[in-house]
């Protein structure tokens, strides 16, 4: 068995054979897309391809478990950002912790399109819904007049921006892609924090006019 580190930060020697296969599959899917073969995945894990069938039954079964693990780790990162926002940001600047293979896996899952992509995106939003509610509850984030609309907007904005960069950077490994993102993202931190903290528009005129429009429309 290989002795590399798993996406969650634990040596693969500490994981079950099933978990090692799952992590090898996440890395293979991120690297090659979801057409990656059982043989490729088994080679990464240092086992026979038959062991994948033994544990997961089919590629669909394997993919479902990979999806669940990627979303679990993504949610854990988001919760950490709420619980210790400044330390989380500093940690990110020093040594980004969310594995490249997990980020690229998510982008490939959405970029693949069709119903599976819609289902995966909805699961991201489902997980983010709890994190957003927690953010509001702790007082880190202001409540919204429409929590669901805001949640979807932020999810689409975040993943959409990454997806644009991903599809315009063909041929890079997950590590190379994430390194390129990190190289430019530090320049985005200040404007992002300014926008989220201080806002963008100089006054409330447009918002107040739109709220009036919505109010009038509900009376029709």
N, C-alpha and C. Protein backbone atom coordinates (compact mmCIF):
# COMPACT_ATOMS: atom_id res chain seq x y z
N UNK A 1 0.83 -1.20 0.00
CA UNK A 1 0.00 0.00 0.00
C UNK A 1 0.87 1.25 0.00
N UNK A 2 0.38 2.31 -0.62
CA UNK A 2 1.14 3.55 -0.63
C UNK A 2 1.09 4.20 0.74
N UNK A 3 2.09 5.04 1.02
CA UNK A 3 2.16 5.67 2.35
C UNK A 3 2.05 7.18 2.26
N UNK A 4 1.44 7.68 1.18
CA UNK A 4 1.25 9.12 1.03
C UNK A 4 0.19 9.62 1.99
N UNK A 5 -0.01 10.94 1.97
CA UNK A 5 -1.04 11.53 2.83
C UNK A 5 -2.36 11.59 2.10
N UNK A 6 -3.40 11.32 2.82
CA UNK A 6 -4.75 11.35 2.26
C UNK A 6 -5.24 12.79 2.23
N UNK A 7 -6.31 13.07 1.44
CA UNK A 7 -6.84 14.43 1.37
C UNK A 7 -7.19 15.01 2.72
N UNK A 8 -7.61 14.19 3.67
CA UNK A 8 -8.01 14.70 4.97
C UNK A 8 -6.86 14.99 5.91
N UNK A 9 -5.63 14.72 5.47
CA UNK A 9 -4.49 15.06 6.31
C UNK A 9 -3.97 13.91 7.14
N UNK A 10 -4.44 12.67 6.88
CA UNK A 10 -3.99 11.51 7.63
C UNK A 10 -3.17 10.60 6.73
N UNK A 11 -2.10 9.96 7.26
CA UNK A 11 -1.35 9.04 6.43
C UNK A 11 -2.25 7.91 5.96
N UNK A 12 -2.10 7.48 4.71
CA UNK A 12 -2.98 6.42 4.21
C UNK A 12 -2.78 5.14 4.99
N UNK A 13 -1.61 4.97 5.63
CA UNK A 13 -1.39 3.78 6.44
C UNK A 13 -2.37 3.70 7.59
N UNK A 14 -2.94 4.84 8.00
CA UNK A 14 -3.90 4.87 9.10
C UNK A 14 -5.32 4.62 8.62
N UNK A 15 -5.55 4.51 7.32
CA UNK A 15 -6.88 4.38 6.77
C UNK A 15 -7.19 2.92 6.45
N UNK A 16 -8.48 2.61 6.38
CA UNK A 16 -8.90 1.28 5.93
C UNK A 16 -8.63 1.15 4.44
N UNK A 17 -8.65 -0.09 3.95
CA UNK A 17 -8.44 -0.32 2.52
C UNK A 17 -9.52 0.40 1.71
N UNK A 18 -10.74 0.40 2.22
CA UNK A 18 -11.83 1.07 1.52
C UNK A 18 -11.57 2.57 1.41
N UNK A 19 -11.11 3.17 2.51
CA UNK A 19 -10.83 4.60 2.51
C UNK A 19 -9.65 4.92 1.60
N UNK A 20 -8.64 4.05 1.57
CA UNK A 20 -7.51 4.28 0.67
C UNK A 20 -7.95 4.24 -0.78
N UNK A 21 -8.82 3.30 -1.12
CA UNK A 21 -9.34 3.22 -2.47
C UNK A 21 -10.16 4.46 -2.81
N UNK A 22 -10.98 4.89 -1.88
CA UNK A 22 -11.79 6.10 -2.10
C UNK A 22 -10.89 7.30 -2.36
N UNK A 23 -9.86 7.48 -1.56
CA UNK A 23 -8.97 8.62 -1.73
C UNK A 23 -8.18 8.53 -3.03
N UNK A 24 -7.79 7.31 -3.40
CA UNK A 24 -7.10 7.13 -4.67
C UNK A 24 -8.04 7.49 -5.82
N UNK A 25 -9.31 7.15 -5.68
CA UNK A 25 -10.29 7.47 -6.72
C UNK A 25 -10.50 8.98 -6.82
N UNK A 26 -10.58 9.67 -5.68
CA UNK A 26 -10.72 11.13 -5.70
C UNK A 26 -9.57 11.75 -6.46
N UNK A 27 -8.35 11.30 -6.18
CA UNK A 27 -7.17 11.84 -6.86
C UNK A 27 -7.20 11.52 -8.35
N UNK A 28 -7.59 10.30 -8.70
CA UNK A 28 -7.63 9.90 -10.11
C UNK A 28 -8.70 10.66 -10.87
N UNK A 29 -9.88 10.80 -10.28
CA UNK A 29 -10.96 11.55 -10.93
C UNK A 29 -10.57 13.01 -11.11
N UNK A 30 -9.89 13.58 -10.11
CA UNK A 30 -9.44 14.97 -10.23
C UNK A 30 -8.41 15.11 -11.35
N UNK A 31 -7.52 14.16 -11.45
CA UNK A 31 -6.43 14.22 -12.43
C UNK A 31 -6.92 13.97 -13.84
N UNK A 32 -7.79 12.95 -14.01
CA UNK A 32 -8.14 12.49 -15.35
C UNK A 32 -9.60 12.68 -15.73
N UNK A 33 -10.43 13.04 -14.76
CA UNK A 33 -11.86 13.10 -15.01
C UNK A 33 -12.53 11.80 -14.60
N UNK A 34 -13.84 11.74 -14.76
CA UNK A 34 -14.59 10.60 -14.25
C UNK A 34 -14.56 9.38 -15.17
N UNK A 35 -13.80 9.49 -16.25
CA UNK A 35 -13.56 8.32 -17.10
C UNK A 35 -12.35 7.52 -16.62
N UNK A 36 -11.69 7.96 -15.56
CA UNK A 36 -10.55 7.23 -15.03
C UNK A 36 -10.96 5.79 -14.74
N UNK A 37 -10.13 4.84 -15.15
CA UNK A 37 -10.48 3.42 -15.05
C UNK A 37 -10.20 2.86 -13.66
N UNK A 38 -10.83 1.72 -13.38
CA UNK A 38 -10.54 1.01 -12.13
C UNK A 38 -9.06 0.66 -12.06
N UNK A 39 -8.47 0.32 -13.21
CA UNK A 39 -7.05 -0.04 -13.22
C UNK A 39 -6.19 1.13 -12.77
N UNK A 40 -6.52 2.33 -13.26
CA UNK A 40 -5.77 3.53 -12.86
C UNK A 40 -5.91 3.79 -11.36
N UNK A 41 -7.14 3.67 -10.87
CA UNK A 41 -7.39 3.91 -9.45
C UNK A 41 -6.68 2.87 -8.59
N UNK A 42 -6.77 1.60 -9.02
CA UNK A 42 -6.13 0.53 -8.25
C UNK A 42 -4.61 0.72 -8.21
N UNK A 43 -4.04 1.17 -9.32
CA UNK A 43 -2.60 1.40 -9.36
C UNK A 43 -2.20 2.48 -8.37
N UNK A 44 -3.00 3.53 -8.27
CA UNK A 44 -2.71 4.60 -7.30
C UNK A 44 -2.75 4.06 -5.88
N UNK A 45 -3.68 3.14 -5.63
CA UNK A 45 -3.84 2.61 -4.28
C UNK A 45 -2.92 1.44 -3.99
N UNK A 46 -2.30 0.89 -5.03
CA UNK A 46 -1.39 -0.24 -4.85
C UNK A 46 -2.11 -1.54 -4.60
N UNK A 47 -3.30 -1.70 -5.21
CA UNK A 47 -4.08 -2.92 -5.02
C UNK A 47 -4.56 -3.41 -6.39
N UNK A 48 -5.29 -4.52 -6.39
CA UNK A 48 -5.86 -5.04 -7.63
C UNK A 48 -7.18 -4.34 -7.92
N UNK A 49 -7.53 -4.24 -9.22
CA UNK A 49 -8.77 -3.59 -9.60
C UNK A 49 -9.98 -4.32 -9.03
N UNK A 50 -9.85 -5.63 -8.85
CA UNK A 50 -10.98 -6.39 -8.31
C UNK A 50 -11.38 -5.96 -6.91
N UNK A 51 -10.44 -5.40 -6.17
CA UNK A 51 -10.76 -4.96 -4.81
C UNK A 51 -11.71 -3.78 -4.83
N UNK A 52 -11.66 -2.98 -5.88
CA UNK A 52 -12.59 -1.84 -5.98
C UNK A 52 -14.02 -2.37 -6.14
N UNK A 53 -14.18 -3.35 -7.03
CA UNK A 53 -15.51 -3.94 -7.20
C UNK A 53 -15.98 -4.58 -5.92
N UNK A 54 -15.07 -5.23 -5.21
CA UNK A 54 -15.42 -5.88 -3.94
C UNK A 54 -15.98 -4.87 -2.94
N UNK A 55 -15.36 -3.70 -2.86
CA UNK A 55 -15.76 -2.72 -1.85
C UNK A 55 -16.92 -1.83 -2.31
N UNK A 56 -16.97 -1.50 -3.60
CA UNK A 56 -17.93 -0.49 -4.06
C UNK A 56 -18.96 -1.00 -5.07
N UNK A 57 -18.70 -2.16 -5.64
CA UNK A 57 -19.66 -2.76 -6.56
C UNK A 57 -19.58 -2.23 -7.98
N UNK A 58 -19.55 -0.92 -8.13
CA UNK A 58 -19.57 -0.30 -9.46
C UNK A 58 -18.92 1.07 -9.37
N UNK A 59 -18.68 1.66 -10.54
CA UNK A 59 -18.12 3.02 -10.54
C UNK A 59 -19.11 4.00 -9.93
N UNK A 60 -20.41 3.76 -10.14
CA UNK A 60 -21.42 4.65 -9.55
C UNK A 60 -21.34 4.61 -8.03
N UNK A 61 -21.15 3.39 -7.48
CA UNK A 61 -21.03 3.27 -6.03
C UNK A 61 -19.78 3.94 -5.51
N UNK A 62 -18.69 3.80 -6.25
CA UNK A 62 -17.44 4.46 -5.87
C UNK A 62 -17.59 5.97 -5.96
N UNK A 63 -18.19 6.44 -7.03
CA UNK A 63 -18.36 7.88 -7.22
C UNK A 63 -19.21 8.46 -6.09
N UNK A 64 -20.26 7.75 -5.68
CA UNK A 64 -21.12 8.25 -4.61
C UNK A 64 -20.35 8.44 -3.32
N UNK A 65 -19.46 7.49 -3.02
CA UNK A 65 -18.69 7.60 -1.78
C UNK A 65 -17.65 8.71 -1.89
N UNK A 66 -17.07 8.89 -3.08
CA UNK A 66 -16.12 9.98 -3.30
C UNK A 66 -16.83 11.33 -3.13
N UNK A 67 -18.01 11.46 -3.73
CA UNK A 67 -18.78 12.70 -3.60
C UNK A 67 -19.00 13.04 -2.13
N UNK A 68 -19.42 12.04 -1.37
CA UNK A 68 -19.73 12.27 0.04
C UNK A 68 -18.50 12.72 0.82
N UNK A 69 -17.36 12.12 0.54
CA UNK A 69 -16.13 12.47 1.26
C UNK A 69 -15.65 13.87 0.89
N UNK A 70 -15.70 14.20 -0.40
CA UNK A 70 -15.30 15.53 -0.84
C UNK A 70 -16.18 16.60 -0.19
N UNK A 71 -17.48 16.37 -0.17
CA UNK A 71 -18.39 17.34 0.43
C UNK A 71 -18.20 17.43 1.94
N UNK A 72 -17.91 16.30 2.57
CA UNK A 72 -17.66 16.32 4.03
C UNK A 72 -16.46 17.19 4.35
N UNK A 73 -15.38 17.02 3.60
CA UNK A 73 -14.17 17.79 3.88
C UNK A 73 -14.35 19.27 3.52
N UNK A 74 -15.08 19.54 2.44
CA UNK A 74 -15.36 20.92 2.05
C UNK A 74 -16.16 21.63 3.13
N UNK A 75 -17.15 20.95 3.68
CA UNK A 75 -17.96 21.54 4.74
C UNK A 75 -17.14 21.80 5.99
N UNK A 76 -16.23 20.87 6.32
CA UNK A 76 -15.38 21.04 7.49
C UNK A 76 -14.50 22.29 7.35
N UNK A 77 -14.00 22.53 6.14
CA UNK A 77 -13.19 23.72 5.89
C UNK A 77 -14.02 24.98 6.09
N UNK A 78 -15.26 24.97 5.58
CA UNK A 78 -16.12 26.15 5.71
C UNK A 78 -16.49 26.42 7.16
N UNK A 79 -16.74 25.38 7.93
CA UNK A 79 -17.07 25.56 9.34
C UNK A 79 -15.87 26.14 10.09
N UNK A 80 -14.68 25.66 9.76
CA UNK A 80 -13.47 26.18 10.39
C UNK A 80 -13.32 27.67 10.10
N UNK A 81 -13.68 28.08 8.88
CA UNK A 81 -13.58 29.50 8.52
C UNK A 81 -14.54 30.36 9.33
N UNK A 82 -15.65 29.78 9.76
CA UNK A 82 -16.61 30.51 10.60
C UNK A 82 -16.13 30.55 12.04
N UNK A 83 -15.61 29.44 12.54
CA UNK A 83 -15.24 29.35 13.94
C UNK A 83 -13.98 30.14 14.27
N UNK A 84 -13.07 30.27 13.34
CA UNK A 84 -11.83 31.02 13.58
C UNK A 84 -11.44 31.74 12.29
N UNK A 85 -12.21 32.75 11.93
CA UNK A 85 -12.03 33.39 10.62
C UNK A 85 -10.65 33.97 10.37
N UNK A 86 -10.10 34.71 11.33
CA UNK A 86 -8.80 35.33 11.11
C UNK A 86 -7.70 34.28 11.05
N UNK A 87 -7.70 33.36 12.01
CA UNK A 87 -6.68 32.30 12.01
C UNK A 87 -6.79 31.44 10.75
N UNK A 88 -8.02 31.19 10.31
CA UNK A 88 -8.23 30.40 9.09
C UNK A 88 -7.61 31.12 7.89
N UNK A 89 -7.81 32.42 7.80
CA UNK A 89 -7.24 33.19 6.70
C UNK A 89 -5.72 33.17 6.75
N UNK A 90 -5.15 33.36 7.94
CA UNK A 90 -3.69 33.35 8.07
C UNK A 90 -3.13 31.98 7.71
N UNK A 91 -3.80 30.93 8.19
CA UNK A 91 -3.36 29.57 7.84
C UNK A 91 -3.39 29.37 6.34
N UNK A 92 -4.41 29.89 5.69
CA UNK A 92 -4.52 29.76 4.24
C UNK A 92 -3.36 30.46 3.54
N UNK A 93 -3.00 31.64 4.03
CA UNK A 93 -1.92 32.40 3.41
C UNK A 93 -0.58 31.70 3.59
N UNK A 94 -0.40 31.05 4.74
CA UNK A 94 0.88 30.38 5.03
C UNK A 94 0.96 29.02 4.32
N UNK A 95 -0.10 28.23 4.47
CA UNK A 95 -0.09 26.87 3.92
C UNK A 95 -1.52 26.43 3.64
N UNK A 96 -2.02 26.70 2.45
CA UNK A 96 -3.40 26.32 2.12
C UNK A 96 -3.64 24.84 2.42
N UNK A 97 -4.77 24.54 3.07
CA UNK A 97 -4.96 23.19 3.57
C UNK A 97 -5.91 22.32 2.78
N UNK A 98 -6.79 22.89 2.00
CA UNK A 98 -7.78 22.07 1.29
C UNK A 98 -7.12 21.47 0.06
N UNK A 99 -6.96 20.16 0.04
CA UNK A 99 -6.17 19.48 -0.97
C UNK A 99 -6.61 19.83 -2.39
N UNK A 100 -5.62 19.95 -3.26
CA UNK A 100 -5.88 20.31 -4.66
C UNK A 100 -6.83 19.32 -5.31
N UNK A 101 -6.66 18.04 -5.02
CA UNK A 101 -7.50 17.03 -5.67
C UNK A 101 -8.96 17.20 -5.30
N UNK A 102 -9.25 17.67 -4.09
CA UNK A 102 -10.64 17.84 -3.68
C UNK A 102 -11.29 19.01 -4.41
N UNK A 103 -10.55 20.13 -4.54
CA UNK A 103 -11.08 21.29 -5.24
C UNK A 103 -11.34 20.96 -6.70
N UNK A 104 -10.36 20.33 -7.35
CA UNK A 104 -10.50 20.02 -8.77
C UNK A 104 -11.58 18.95 -8.98
N UNK A 105 -11.71 18.03 -8.04
CA UNK A 105 -12.79 17.04 -8.12
C UNK A 105 -14.14 17.75 -8.18
N UNK A 106 -14.34 18.73 -7.31
CA UNK A 106 -15.61 19.46 -7.29
C UNK A 106 -15.85 20.18 -8.61
N UNK A 107 -14.80 20.78 -9.15
CA UNK A 107 -14.96 21.51 -10.42
C UNK A 107 -15.26 20.55 -11.57
N UNK A 108 -14.61 19.41 -11.58
CA UNK A 108 -14.89 18.42 -12.63
C UNK A 108 -16.33 17.90 -12.50
N UNK A 109 -16.78 17.69 -11.28
CA UNK A 109 -18.14 17.18 -11.06
C UNK A 109 -19.18 18.15 -11.61
N UNK A 110 -18.94 19.43 -11.47
CA UNK A 110 -19.88 20.44 -11.99
C UNK A 110 -19.71 20.60 -13.49
N UNK A 111 -18.47 20.63 -13.94
CA UNK A 111 -18.19 20.84 -15.36
C UNK A 111 -18.71 19.68 -16.22
N UNK A 112 -18.85 18.50 -15.64
CA UNK A 112 -19.33 17.34 -16.39
C UNK A 112 -20.74 17.56 -16.92
N UNK A 113 -21.51 18.42 -16.25
CA UNK A 113 -22.84 18.78 -16.73
C UNK A 113 -23.88 17.71 -16.50
N UNK A 114 -25.09 18.00 -16.95
CA UNK A 114 -26.19 17.05 -16.83
C UNK A 114 -26.74 16.93 -15.43
N UNK A 115 -27.59 15.94 -15.23
CA UNK A 115 -28.24 15.74 -13.94
C UNK A 115 -27.26 15.45 -12.81
N UNK A 116 -26.21 14.62 -13.06
CA UNK A 116 -25.25 14.40 -11.97
C UNK A 116 -24.62 15.69 -11.47
N UNK A 117 -24.32 16.61 -12.40
CA UNK A 117 -23.73 17.89 -11.99
C UNK A 117 -24.73 18.71 -11.19
N UNK A 118 -25.99 18.71 -11.63
CA UNK A 118 -27.02 19.46 -10.89
C UNK A 118 -27.21 18.87 -9.50
N UNK A 119 -27.20 17.55 -9.42
CA UNK A 119 -27.36 16.89 -8.11
C UNK A 119 -26.19 17.23 -7.19
N UNK A 120 -24.98 17.20 -7.73
CA UNK A 120 -23.79 17.49 -6.92
C UNK A 120 -23.83 18.94 -6.44
N UNK A 121 -24.21 19.85 -7.33
CA UNK A 121 -24.29 21.26 -6.95
C UNK A 121 -25.33 21.47 -5.85
N UNK A 122 -26.45 20.78 -5.95
CA UNK A 122 -27.47 20.90 -4.91
C UNK A 122 -26.97 20.37 -3.58
N UNK A 123 -26.14 19.34 -3.62
CA UNK A 123 -25.58 18.82 -2.37
C UNK A 123 -24.58 19.82 -1.77
N UNK A 124 -23.83 20.49 -2.62
CA UNK A 124 -22.95 21.55 -2.12
C UNK A 124 -23.77 22.62 -1.42
N UNK A 125 -24.87 23.03 -2.06
CA UNK A 125 -25.73 24.06 -1.50
C UNK A 125 -26.38 23.58 -0.21
N UNK A 126 -26.80 22.32 -0.18
CA UNK A 126 -27.39 21.77 1.05
C UNK A 126 -26.41 21.85 2.21
N UNK A 127 -25.15 21.48 1.94
CA UNK A 127 -24.14 21.54 2.99
C UNK A 127 -23.84 22.98 3.38
N UNK A 128 -23.78 23.85 2.38
CA UNK A 128 -23.48 25.26 2.65
C UNK A 128 -24.60 25.93 3.43
N UNK A 129 -25.82 25.44 3.27
CA UNK A 129 -26.96 26.04 3.95
C UNK A 129 -26.76 26.00 5.47
N UNK A 130 -26.29 24.86 5.96
CA UNK A 130 -26.04 24.74 7.39
C UNK A 130 -24.90 25.64 7.85
N UNK A 131 -23.87 25.74 7.03
CA UNK A 131 -22.74 26.60 7.37
C UNK A 131 -23.17 28.07 7.40
N UNK A 132 -23.99 28.47 6.42
CA UNK A 132 -24.46 29.86 6.38
C UNK A 132 -25.34 30.17 7.61
N UNK A 133 -26.21 29.25 7.95
CA UNK A 133 -27.06 29.45 9.13
C UNK A 133 -26.20 29.59 10.39
N UNK A 134 -25.15 28.78 10.47
CA UNK A 134 -24.23 28.85 11.60
C UNK A 134 -23.50 30.19 11.61
N UNK A 135 -23.13 30.68 10.42
CA UNK A 135 -22.45 31.98 10.32
C UNK A 135 -23.33 33.10 10.84
N UNK A 136 -24.62 33.05 10.51
CA UNK A 136 -25.56 34.07 10.98
C UNK A 136 -25.77 33.93 12.48
N UNK A 137 -25.90 32.70 12.94
CA UNK A 137 -26.15 32.43 14.36
C UNK A 137 -25.00 32.94 15.23
N UNK A 138 -23.77 32.78 14.77
CA UNK A 138 -22.61 33.23 15.56
C UNK A 138 -22.40 34.74 15.48
N UNK A 139 -23.12 35.40 14.58
CA UNK A 139 -22.96 36.83 14.43
C UNK A 139 -21.86 37.25 13.47
N UNK A 140 -21.23 36.28 12.82
CA UNK A 140 -20.18 36.61 11.86
C UNK A 140 -20.75 37.24 10.60
N UNK A 141 -21.94 36.79 10.21
CA UNK A 141 -22.57 37.24 8.96
C UNK A 141 -23.93 37.86 9.28
N UNK A 142 -24.27 38.94 8.60
CA UNK A 142 -25.58 39.55 8.78
C UNK A 142 -26.67 38.65 8.19
N UNK A 143 -27.84 38.64 8.79
CA UNK A 143 -28.95 37.89 8.17
C UNK A 143 -29.38 38.55 6.87
N UNK A 144 -30.01 37.78 6.01
CA UNK A 144 -30.47 38.28 4.72
C UNK A 144 -31.99 38.29 4.66
N UNK A 145 -32.53 39.16 3.83
CA UNK A 145 -33.98 39.16 3.59
C UNK A 145 -34.40 37.88 2.88
N UNK A 146 -33.48 37.27 2.16
CA UNK A 146 -33.75 36.02 1.47
C UNK A 146 -32.50 35.15 1.58
N UNK A 147 -32.43 34.37 2.65
CA UNK A 147 -31.24 33.57 2.93
C UNK A 147 -30.93 32.59 1.79
N UNK A 148 -31.96 31.97 1.24
CA UNK A 148 -31.74 30.98 0.19
C UNK A 148 -31.17 31.62 -1.07
N UNK A 149 -31.71 32.76 -1.46
CA UNK A 149 -31.21 33.44 -2.66
C UNK A 149 -29.76 33.87 -2.46
N UNK A 150 -29.44 34.39 -1.29
CA UNK A 150 -28.07 34.82 -1.04
C UNK A 150 -27.12 33.62 -1.07
N UNK A 151 -27.53 32.53 -0.46
CA UNK A 151 -26.69 31.33 -0.42
C UNK A 151 -26.38 30.84 -1.83
N UNK A 152 -27.40 30.78 -2.67
CA UNK A 152 -27.19 30.30 -4.03
C UNK A 152 -26.32 31.27 -4.83
N UNK A 153 -26.54 32.55 -4.65
CA UNK A 153 -25.72 33.55 -5.34
C UNK A 153 -24.25 33.39 -4.99
N UNK A 154 -23.94 33.29 -3.71
CA UNK A 154 -22.55 33.17 -3.28
C UNK A 154 -21.93 31.86 -3.75
N UNK A 155 -22.71 30.78 -3.73
CA UNK A 155 -22.20 29.49 -4.20
C UNK A 155 -21.87 29.56 -5.69
N UNK A 156 -22.80 30.10 -6.47
CA UNK A 156 -22.56 30.21 -7.92
C UNK A 156 -21.38 31.12 -8.21
N UNK A 157 -21.27 32.23 -7.47
CA UNK A 157 -20.17 33.15 -7.71
C UNK A 157 -18.83 32.50 -7.41
N UNK A 158 -18.75 31.81 -6.28
CA UNK A 158 -17.48 31.19 -5.87
C UNK A 158 -17.07 30.09 -6.82
N UNK A 159 -17.98 29.14 -7.05
CA UNK A 159 -17.65 28.01 -7.91
C UNK A 159 -17.53 28.43 -9.37
N UNK A 160 -18.36 29.38 -9.78
CA UNK A 160 -18.30 29.85 -11.15
C UNK A 160 -16.97 30.49 -11.49
N UNK A 161 -16.45 31.29 -10.57
CA UNK A 161 -15.16 31.93 -10.80
C UNK A 161 -14.05 30.90 -10.91
N UNK A 162 -14.09 29.90 -10.03
CA UNK A 162 -13.08 28.84 -10.09
C UNK A 162 -13.22 28.03 -11.37
N UNK A 163 -14.46 27.78 -11.78
CA UNK A 163 -14.69 26.97 -12.97
C UNK A 163 -14.17 27.68 -14.23
N UNK A 164 -14.35 28.98 -14.30
CA UNK A 164 -13.82 29.74 -15.44
C UNK A 164 -12.30 29.58 -15.51
N UNK A 165 -11.65 29.71 -14.37
CA UNK A 165 -10.20 29.54 -14.35
C UNK A 165 -9.79 28.12 -14.70
N UNK A 166 -10.59 27.15 -14.27
CA UNK A 166 -10.26 25.75 -14.51
C UNK A 166 -10.34 25.41 -16.00
N UNK A 167 -11.43 25.82 -16.65
CA UNK A 167 -11.62 25.45 -18.06
C UNK A 167 -10.68 26.24 -18.98
N UNK A 168 -10.13 27.35 -18.48
CA UNK A 168 -9.18 28.11 -19.29
C UNK A 168 -7.73 27.77 -18.94
N UNK A 169 -7.55 26.71 -18.15
CA UNK A 169 -6.20 26.26 -17.77
C UNK A 169 -6.04 24.78 -18.08
N UNK A 170 -6.25 24.36 -19.33
CA UNK A 170 -6.20 22.93 -19.66
C UNK A 170 -4.79 22.36 -19.52
N UNK A 171 -4.74 21.08 -19.19
CA UNK A 171 -3.46 20.39 -19.14
C UNK A 171 -2.72 20.48 -17.83
N UNK A 172 -3.20 21.28 -16.89
CA UNK A 172 -2.50 21.39 -15.61
C UNK A 172 -2.95 20.27 -14.68
N UNK A 173 -2.02 19.80 -13.87
CA UNK A 173 -2.40 18.86 -12.82
C UNK A 173 -3.19 19.61 -11.76
N UNK A 174 -3.93 18.90 -10.90
CA UNK A 174 -4.64 19.60 -9.82
C UNK A 174 -3.72 20.48 -8.99
N UNK A 175 -2.52 19.98 -8.70
CA UNK A 175 -1.58 20.76 -7.89
C UNK A 175 -1.13 22.02 -8.63
N UNK A 176 -0.88 21.89 -9.92
CA UNK A 176 -0.46 23.05 -10.70
C UNK A 176 -1.59 24.07 -10.81
N UNK A 177 -2.81 23.58 -10.98
CA UNK A 177 -3.95 24.49 -11.08
C UNK A 177 -4.14 25.26 -9.78
N UNK A 178 -4.13 24.56 -8.65
CA UNK A 178 -4.34 25.22 -7.37
C UNK A 178 -3.19 26.18 -7.07
N UNK A 179 -1.97 25.81 -7.44
CA UNK A 179 -0.83 26.71 -7.23
C UNK A 179 -1.02 28.00 -8.02
N UNK A 180 -1.56 27.90 -9.23
CA UNK A 180 -1.79 29.10 -10.03
C UNK A 180 -2.88 29.97 -9.43
N UNK A 181 -3.90 29.32 -8.86
CA UNK A 181 -4.98 30.06 -8.19
C UNK A 181 -4.43 30.79 -6.97
N UNK A 182 -3.64 30.07 -6.17
CA UNK A 182 -3.11 30.65 -4.95
C UNK A 182 -2.15 31.79 -5.24
N UNK A 183 -1.44 31.70 -6.37
CA UNK A 183 -0.49 32.76 -6.72
C UNK A 183 -1.18 34.09 -6.96
N UNK A 184 -2.40 34.02 -7.51
CA UNK A 184 -3.12 35.26 -7.79
C UNK A 184 -4.17 35.62 -6.77
N UNK A 185 -4.56 34.66 -5.95
CA UNK A 185 -5.69 34.92 -5.05
C UNK A 185 -5.36 35.88 -3.94
N UNK A 186 -4.11 35.95 -3.49
CA UNK A 186 -3.78 36.88 -2.41
C UNK A 186 -4.09 38.31 -2.81
N UNK A 187 -3.99 38.61 -4.11
CA UNK A 187 -4.33 39.96 -4.57
C UNK A 187 -5.84 40.20 -4.51
N UNK A 188 -6.64 39.12 -4.39
CA UNK A 188 -8.09 39.26 -4.35
C UNK A 188 -8.64 39.35 -2.93
N UNK A 189 -7.81 39.04 -1.94
CA UNK A 189 -8.31 38.98 -0.57
C UNK A 189 -8.77 40.35 -0.09
N UNK A 190 -7.96 41.40 -0.30
CA UNK A 190 -8.34 42.74 0.17
C UNK A 190 -9.63 43.22 -0.49
N UNK A 191 -9.77 43.20 -1.83
CA UNK A 191 -11.03 43.66 -2.41
C UNK A 191 -12.22 42.81 -1.99
N UNK A 192 -12.00 41.52 -1.79
CA UNK A 192 -13.10 40.66 -1.36
C UNK A 192 -13.56 41.04 0.04
N UNK A 193 -12.61 41.22 0.96
CA UNK A 193 -12.96 41.61 2.33
C UNK A 193 -13.60 42.99 2.36
N UNK A 194 -13.09 43.92 1.56
CA UNK A 194 -13.71 45.24 1.48
C UNK A 194 -15.15 45.14 1.01
N UNK A 195 -15.36 44.38 -0.05
CA UNK A 195 -16.69 44.24 -0.62
C UNK A 195 -17.66 43.61 0.37
N UNK A 196 -17.22 42.55 1.04
CA UNK A 196 -18.10 41.86 1.97
C UNK A 196 -18.31 42.64 3.27
N UNK A 197 -17.31 43.40 3.68
CA UNK A 197 -17.38 44.10 4.96
C UNK A 197 -17.98 45.50 4.84
N UNK A 198 -17.55 46.24 3.83
CA UNK A 198 -17.95 47.64 3.70
C UNK A 198 -18.98 47.88 2.60
N UNK A 199 -19.22 46.88 1.78
CA UNK A 199 -20.18 47.04 0.70
C UNK A 199 -19.55 47.65 -0.53
N UNK A 200 -20.38 47.85 -1.56
CA UNK A 200 -19.89 48.33 -2.85
C UNK A 200 -20.55 49.65 -3.25
N UNK A 201 -21.86 49.72 -3.11
CA UNK A 201 -22.58 50.94 -3.50
C UNK A 201 -22.45 52.01 -2.42
N UNK A 202 -22.40 53.26 -2.85
CA UNK A 202 -22.17 54.36 -1.91
C UNK A 202 -23.40 54.69 -1.08
N UNK A 203 -24.61 54.36 -1.57
CA UNK A 203 -25.81 54.62 -0.77
C UNK A 203 -26.85 53.53 -1.06
N UNK A 204 -28.00 53.64 -0.39
CA UNK A 204 -29.03 52.61 -0.43
C UNK A 204 -30.06 52.83 -1.54
N UNK A 205 -29.88 53.80 -2.40
CA UNK A 205 -30.93 54.18 -3.33
C UNK A 205 -31.43 53.01 -4.17
N UNK A 206 -30.52 52.29 -4.80
CA UNK A 206 -30.93 51.18 -5.68
C UNK A 206 -31.63 50.09 -4.88
N UNK A 207 -31.09 49.74 -3.73
CA UNK A 207 -31.71 48.71 -2.90
C UNK A 207 -33.10 49.13 -2.44
N UNK A 208 -33.23 50.35 -1.95
CA UNK A 208 -34.53 50.82 -1.46
C UNK A 208 -35.56 50.87 -2.59
N UNK A 209 -35.13 51.29 -3.77
CA UNK A 209 -36.06 51.32 -4.90
C UNK A 209 -36.50 49.91 -5.29
N UNK A 210 -35.58 48.97 -5.23
CA UNK A 210 -35.93 47.59 -5.57
C UNK A 210 -36.87 46.99 -4.53
N UNK A 211 -36.61 47.28 -3.25
CA UNK A 211 -37.50 46.78 -2.20
C UNK A 211 -38.91 47.36 -2.35
N UNK A 212 -38.98 48.62 -2.75
CA UNK A 212 -40.29 49.24 -3.01
C UNK A 212 -40.99 48.54 -4.17
N UNK A 213 -40.23 48.24 -5.21
CA UNK A 213 -40.78 47.52 -6.37
C UNK A 213 -41.32 46.16 -5.94
N UNK A 214 -40.54 45.44 -5.12
CA UNK A 214 -41.00 44.12 -4.67
C UNK A 214 -42.27 44.25 -3.82
N UNK A 215 -42.29 45.25 -2.96
CA UNK A 215 -43.46 45.46 -2.10
C UNK A 215 -44.71 45.77 -2.92
N UNK A 216 -44.54 46.65 -3.91
CA UNK A 216 -45.67 47.01 -4.76
C UNK A 216 -46.16 45.83 -5.58
N UNK A 217 -45.24 44.99 -6.01
CA UNK A 217 -45.61 43.85 -6.84
C UNK A 217 -46.43 42.83 -6.05
N UNK A 218 -46.12 42.69 -4.75
CA UNK A 218 -46.85 41.73 -3.94
C UNK A 218 -48.29 42.19 -3.69
N UNK A 219 -48.57 43.47 -3.88
CA UNK A 219 -49.93 43.99 -3.66
C UNK A 219 -50.78 43.88 -4.90
N UNK A 220 -50.18 43.55 -6.03
CA UNK A 220 -50.94 43.50 -7.27
C UNK A 220 -51.84 42.27 -7.32
